[in-house]
Protein backbone atom coordinates (compact mmCIF):
# COMPACT_ATOMS: atom_id res chain seq x y z
CA MET A 1 0.00 0.00 0.00
CA GLN A 2 1.47 3.33 -1.00
CA ILE A 3 0.54 6.72 0.34
CA GLY A 4 0.87 8.82 -2.73
CA ASN A 5 3.81 10.72 -4.13
CA SER A 6 2.77 14.12 -2.77
CA LEU A 7 2.64 12.94 0.84
CA SER A 8 5.85 10.95 0.45
CA GLU A 9 7.59 13.97 -1.03
CA GLY A 10 6.15 16.10 1.77
CA LEU A 11 7.60 13.68 4.29
CA MET A 12 10.98 13.92 2.56
CA ARG A 13 10.88 17.72 2.73
CA ARG A 14 9.54 17.83 6.28
CA LEU A 15 12.07 15.49 7.84
CA HIS A 16 14.94 15.53 5.28
CA LEU A 17 15.03 11.73 5.04
CA ASN A 18 18.18 11.98 2.94
CA THR A 19 20.04 13.02 6.12
CA PHE A 20 20.81 11.01 9.24
CA SER A 21 19.20 13.56 11.57
CA GLY A 22 16.01 13.61 9.50
CA ARG A 23 15.78 9.82 9.49
CA PHE A 24 16.47 9.75 13.24
CA ARG A 25 13.49 12.04 13.91
CA HIS A 26 11.36 9.98 11.52
CA PHE A 27 12.20 6.67 13.21
CA LEU A 28 11.47 8.14 16.64
CA ASP A 29 7.89 8.29 15.34
CA VAL A 30 8.03 4.76 13.92
CA ILE A 31 9.25 3.23 17.21
CA ASP A 32 6.92 5.28 19.44
CA PRO A 33 5.42 2.67 21.84
CA SER A 34 2.17 4.67 22.04
CA THR A 35 1.29 3.34 18.57
CA LEU A 36 1.00 -0.13 20.13
CA PHE A 37 -2.28 1.01 21.71
CA VAL A 38 -3.90 2.28 18.52
CA SER A 39 -7.28 0.62 18.04
CA GLU A 40 -8.34 -1.16 14.87
CA LYS A 41 -10.90 1.58 14.26
CA ARG A 42 -8.27 4.32 14.59
CA LEU A 43 -5.96 2.47 12.22
CA GLN A 44 -8.67 2.08 9.59
CA GLU A 45 -9.57 5.76 9.90
CA SER A 46 -5.90 6.68 9.35
CA VAL A 47 -5.57 4.44 6.30
CA GLU A 48 -8.82 5.79 4.82
CA LEU A 49 -7.74 9.38 5.44
CA LEU A 50 -4.45 8.78 3.62
CA ASP A 51 -6.26 7.04 0.77
CA ARG A 52 -8.61 10.02 0.41
CA PHE A 53 -5.60 12.33 0.43
CA LYS A 54 -4.08 10.30 -2.38
CA GLN A 55 -7.33 10.47 -4.36
CA GLY A 56 -7.73 14.21 -3.73
CA THR A 57 -11.05 13.77 -1.93
CA LEU A 58 -10.16 14.96 1.56
CA PRO A 59 -13.13 16.31 3.55
CA PRO A 60 -12.95 19.99 4.49
CA GLY A 61 -11.26 20.86 7.75
CA VAL A 62 -8.60 18.13 7.72
CA THR A 63 -5.36 19.60 9.04
CA ASP A 64 -1.74 18.80 8.22
CA ALA A 65 -1.30 17.60 11.80
CA GLN A 66 -4.07 15.02 11.30
CA LEU A 67 -2.45 13.79 8.09
CA TRP A 68 0.96 13.44 9.72
CA GLN A 69 -0.56 11.60 12.68
CA ALA A 70 -2.33 9.22 10.29
CA GLN A 71 0.96 8.73 8.46
CA LYS A 72 2.73 7.96 11.75
CA ILE A 73 0.13 5.37 12.74
CA LYS A 74 0.18 3.65 9.37
CA GLN A 75 3.96 3.51 9.13
CA ALA A 76 4.26 2.05 12.63
CA ILE A 77 1.70 -0.72 12.08
CA ILE A 78 1.33 -1.54 8.37
CA HIS A 79 4.03 -3.34 6.39
CA PRO A 80 4.95 -1.21 3.34
CA ASP A 81 5.15 -4.20 0.96
CA THR A 82 2.19 -6.35 1.98
CA GLY A 83 -0.16 -3.69 3.35
CA GLU A 84 -0.88 -6.02 6.27
CA LYS A 85 -0.63 -5.38 10.00
CA ILE A 86 2.60 -6.41 11.69
CA LEU A 87 1.95 -8.35 14.90
CA MET A 88 2.27 -6.05 17.91
CA PRO A 89 5.36 -7.61 19.60
CA PHE A 90 7.28 -7.65 16.31
CA ARG A 91 6.75 -4.07 15.20
CA MET A 92 9.68 -1.71 15.58
CA SER A 93 7.55 0.14 18.16
CA GLY A 94 7.45 -3.13 20.13
CA PHE A 95 11.16 -3.84 19.91
CA ILE A 96 12.05 -2.06 23.16
CA PRO A 97 9.06 -2.91 25.41
CA PHE A 98 8.94 -6.56 24.31
CA GLY A 99 12.69 -7.04 23.94
CA THR A 100 13.88 -5.28 27.08
CA PRO A 101 12.69 -7.84 29.69
CA VAL A 102 15.00 -10.46 28.17
CA GLY A 103 17.75 -8.13 27.00
CA LEU A 104 19.13 -8.86 23.54
CA ASN A 105 16.77 -11.79 23.09
CA GLN A 106 17.65 -13.42 19.79
CA SER A 107 14.35 -15.28 19.47
CA HIS A 108 12.42 -12.00 19.65
CA ASN A 109 14.99 -10.40 17.32
CA ALA A 110 14.44 -13.17 14.78
CA CYS A 111 10.71 -12.49 14.63
CA VAL A 112 11.28 -8.71 14.42
CA ASN A 113 13.76 -9.21 11.57
CA TYR A 114 11.32 -11.42 9.69
CA CYS A 115 8.25 -9.23 10.19
CA ASN A 116 10.13 -6.08 9.07
CA ARG A 117 11.89 -7.65 6.08
CA ASN A 118 11.37 -6.80 2.45
CA ALA A 119 8.21 -8.80 1.75
CA SER A 120 7.75 -7.95 -1.92
CA LYS A 121 8.17 -11.67 -2.72
CA PRO A 122 6.15 -14.30 -0.83
CA ALA A 123 8.16 -16.78 1.24
CA PRO A 124 6.85 -20.20 2.36
CA ALA A 125 6.53 -20.91 6.07
CA SER A 126 9.29 -23.52 5.79
CA LYS A 127 11.76 -20.72 4.94
CA PHE A 128 10.75 -18.90 8.12
CA PHE A 129 11.25 -21.97 10.32
CA GLN A 130 14.59 -22.80 8.70
CA GLY A 131 15.80 -19.25 9.21
CA TYR A 132 14.41 -19.09 12.75
CA LEU A 133 16.12 -22.32 13.78
CA GLY A 134 19.43 -21.27 12.25
CA ALA A 135 19.26 -17.72 13.64
CA VAL A 136 18.46 -18.73 17.22
CA THR A 137 20.89 -21.67 17.22
CA SER A 138 23.80 -19.57 15.96
CA ALA A 139 23.00 -16.73 18.35
CA VAL A 140 22.73 -19.02 21.38
CA SER A 141 25.96 -20.80 20.39
CA ILE A 142 27.78 -17.48 20.26
CA ALA A 143 26.32 -16.45 23.62
CA VAL A 144 27.34 -19.74 25.26
CA GLY A 145 30.82 -19.46 23.79
CA LEU A 146 31.05 -15.92 25.15
CA ASN A 147 30.09 -17.05 28.66
CA VAL A 148 32.64 -19.86 28.59
CA LEU A 149 35.35 -17.45 27.46
CA ILE A 150 34.52 -14.95 30.20
CA GLN A 151 34.54 -17.73 32.83
CA LYS A 152 37.93 -18.88 31.63
CA SER A 153 39.23 -15.34 31.74
CA SER A 154 39.73 -15.79 35.49
CA ARG A 155 42.88 -17.71 34.57
CA PHE A 156 44.29 -14.76 32.67
CA SER A 157 46.34 -11.91 34.01
CA PRO A 158 44.29 -8.99 35.42
CA THR A 159 44.94 -6.92 32.28
CA SER A 160 43.97 -9.71 29.88
CA ARG A 161 40.88 -10.55 31.95
CA LEU A 162 39.74 -6.92 31.84
CA LEU A 163 40.18 -6.81 28.05
CA VAL A 164 38.16 -10.02 27.57
CA GLN A 165 35.32 -8.95 29.85
CA ARG A 166 35.02 -5.48 28.36
CA PHE A 167 35.63 -5.99 24.65
CA ILE A 168 34.51 -9.53 23.76
CA PRO A 169 30.76 -8.97 24.40
CA PHE A 170 30.40 -6.41 21.59
CA PRO A 171 31.77 -8.50 18.68
CA ALA A 172 29.92 -11.53 20.02
CA VAL A 173 26.54 -9.76 20.20
CA ALA A 174 27.13 -7.99 16.87
CA THR A 175 27.98 -11.31 15.18
CA ALA A 176 24.88 -12.94 16.64
CA ASN A 177 22.74 -10.04 15.40
CA VAL A 178 24.17 -10.26 11.88
CA CYS A 179 23.68 -14.04 11.73
CA ASN A 180 20.14 -13.53 12.93
CA VAL A 181 19.11 -10.98 10.31
CA VAL A 182 20.83 -12.79 7.41
CA LEU A 183 19.35 -16.19 8.27
CA MET A 184 15.86 -14.79 8.83
CA ARG A 185 15.95 -13.00 5.47
CA HIS A 186 18.04 -15.43 3.43
CA SER A 187 15.19 -16.12 0.99
CA GLU A 188 15.58 -12.56 -0.35
CA LEU A 189 19.05 -13.48 -1.61
CA SER A 190 17.75 -16.43 -3.61
CA GLU A 191 14.44 -14.92 -4.75
CA GLY A 192 15.42 -11.25 -5.16
CA ILE A 193 13.36 -8.22 -4.15
CA SER A 194 11.21 -5.80 -6.14
CA VAL A 195 12.72 -2.54 -7.37
CA LEU A 196 10.53 0.46 -8.16
CA ASP A 197 10.69 3.33 -10.64
CA ASP A 198 10.04 7.01 -9.87
CA ASN A 199 6.26 6.41 -9.90
CA GLY A 200 6.40 3.49 -7.48
CA ASN A 201 5.82 0.88 -10.19
CA VAL A 202 7.66 -2.44 -9.98
CA VAL A 203 10.18 -2.71 -12.84
CA GLY A 204 11.74 -6.03 -11.91
CA THR A 205 13.16 -8.35 -9.28
CA SER A 206 16.79 -7.98 -8.29
CA LYS A 207 19.10 -10.24 -6.30
CA VAL A 208 21.74 -7.50 -6.37
CA ALA A 209 19.36 -5.10 -4.62
CA ALA A 210 18.60 -7.87 -2.10
CA LYS A 211 22.31 -8.14 -1.27
CA HIS A 212 22.48 -4.38 -0.75
CA ALA A 213 19.36 -4.50 1.46
CA LEU A 214 20.74 -7.25 3.67
CA LEU A 215 24.18 -5.64 3.90
CA GLU A 216 22.70 -2.32 5.01
CA THR A 217 20.40 -4.01 7.52
CA ALA A 218 23.25 -6.15 8.86
CA LEU A 219 25.35 -3.03 9.42
CA THR A 220 22.55 -1.51 11.50
CA ARG A 221 22.63 -4.65 13.68
CA VAL A 222 26.36 -4.20 14.20
CA VAL A 223 25.84 -0.63 15.40
CA MET A 224 22.82 -1.40 17.59
CA PRO A 225 24.71 -3.03 20.52
CA MET A 226 27.25 -0.19 20.76
CA PRO A 227 25.21 2.22 22.94
CA ILE A 228 23.76 -0.69 24.95
CA LEU A 229 27.15 -2.16 25.85
CA MET A 230 29.22 1.01 26.04
CA LEU A 231 27.06 3.77 27.55
CA PRO A 232 25.76 2.16 30.79
CA PRO A 233 29.25 1.42 32.25
CA ILE A 234 30.42 4.96 31.47
CA ILE A 235 27.28 6.61 32.87
CA MET A 236 27.13 4.39 35.96
CA ALA A 237 30.79 5.07 36.75
CA ALA A 238 29.86 8.75 37.03
CA LEU A 239 26.53 8.24 38.82
CA GLU A 240 27.95 5.92 41.47
CA LYS A 241 30.16 8.76 42.64
CA LEU A 242 27.10 10.82 43.57
CA PRO A 243 26.54 11.13 47.34
CA LEU A 244 22.96 9.84 46.99
CA LEU A 245 24.01 6.50 45.46
CA GLN A 246 26.94 6.19 47.83
CA ARG A 247 24.60 6.54 50.81
CA ARG A 248 21.82 4.36 49.38
CA ARG A 249 23.45 1.45 47.57
CA ARG A 250 20.07 -0.21 47.07
CA LEU A 251 19.29 2.42 44.45
CA VAL A 252 22.22 1.38 42.25
CA LEU A 253 20.41 -1.57 40.64
CA PRO A 254 17.19 0.30 39.68
CA VAL A 255 19.22 3.28 38.45
CA HIS A 256 21.39 0.93 36.39
CA SER A 257 18.26 -0.68 34.93
CA LEU A 258 16.89 2.74 33.90
CA VAL A 259 20.23 3.68 32.32
CA CYS A 260 20.26 0.40 30.35
CA LEU A 261 16.67 1.00 29.21
CA ALA A 262 17.56 4.52 28.06
CA ALA A 263 20.59 3.16 26.16
CA PHE A 264 18.37 0.52 24.55
CA GLY A 265 15.86 3.22 23.56
CA LEU A 266 18.62 5.31 21.99
CA ALA A 267 20.34 2.42 20.23
CA LEU A 268 17.36 1.39 18.08
CA PRO A 269 16.62 4.70 16.29
CA LEU A 270 20.35 5.45 15.98
CA ALA A 271 21.01 2.14 14.25
CA ILE A 272 18.04 2.00 11.88
CA SER A 273 18.63 5.64 10.88
CA LEU A 274 21.97 4.79 9.26
CA PHE A 275 20.27 4.06 5.93
CA PRO A 276 16.91 5.09 4.40
CA GLN A 277 14.26 2.39 4.58
CA MET A 278 13.43 3.10 0.94
CA SER A 279 16.96 2.96 -0.48
CA GLN A 280 18.05 3.87 -3.98
CA ILE A 281 20.47 2.21 -6.36
CA SER A 282 21.68 2.91 -9.89
CA VAL A 283 20.27 0.58 -12.54
CA ASN A 284 23.82 0.18 -13.85
CA GLN A 285 24.58 -1.84 -10.71
CA LEU A 286 21.62 -4.16 -11.23
CA GLU A 287 20.80 -7.01 -13.60
CA PRO A 288 20.72 -6.09 -17.34
CA GLU A 289 17.02 -6.96 -17.68
CA ILE A 290 16.11 -4.27 -15.14
CA ALA A 291 18.06 -1.60 -17.03
CA MET A 292 16.15 -2.64 -20.17
CA ALA A 293 12.77 -2.46 -18.38
CA THR A 294 12.95 1.20 -17.33
CA ASP A 295 14.22 4.58 -18.45
CA CYS A 296 15.02 5.55 -14.86
CA LYS A 297 18.67 5.87 -13.92
CA ILE A 298 17.92 5.28 -10.23
CA VAL A 299 15.44 2.77 -8.80
CA THR A 300 14.15 2.30 -5.25
CA TYR A 301 13.81 -0.74 -3.03
CA ASN A 302 12.52 -1.39 0.47
CA LYS A 303 15.60 -2.19 2.55
CA GLY A 304 13.46 -3.39 5.42
CA LEU A 305 14.16 -2.65 9.05
């Protein structure tokens, strides 16, 4: 389901989606947990309002603020390729509230990666279960290996032990995240994804574009753990020096939990803002048949989130 070029162009101008800061502000809307409580009636009203905007039949009195709110609701809930609702726990707006209780839960991540993939080509359920099994197995294996390594670090010298405990978690979590997203979306590499011309029309299916989409998404999963693993120790080192926390040590744990939650909340929009969701690529980089099917020099594809 598409919203119409004029509203999409308005969104580009309003938020400057070609810049990191513009995308960051945009994705703050997309991950807003308040959209999890939008009723079915409110969602349908938003979709209908945007459809009427596209058709040029808006009722009098509709404001820009109402249109942008409808756009926010639709983008947070509806998949851009299928036009179907994404299940609540697996929306990007559900990533933090549903993922936080279990930390970097790779099972939840797998479902989020699948539900926010490029879905321009249908994938059988068997592909999902194969990817899910591989993603969770690889992630758990990496996590277990990490724990074993940290336990064995007690045999190292104090300097080596400090290096292992501080720096091994990041590459381990980042590797698990990359394995997760690639395995959950591996069917895109074999089937290809749809690429669109300037008018939003499908001009072909490209495996090259699929590789670009997965590479960009994988890079966001490498960046995502950085604030979560790096910021809390730095912030807590400063906070624990405060007289309040020195007097009341029981507050350290809840304060640490809040700091971790804030880092988690910052990490998600920072990471997914690295690249536009609707990415562009030159037709010269794609398969010859796509270049023959369109006069456009640049085509667009849904990178997924």
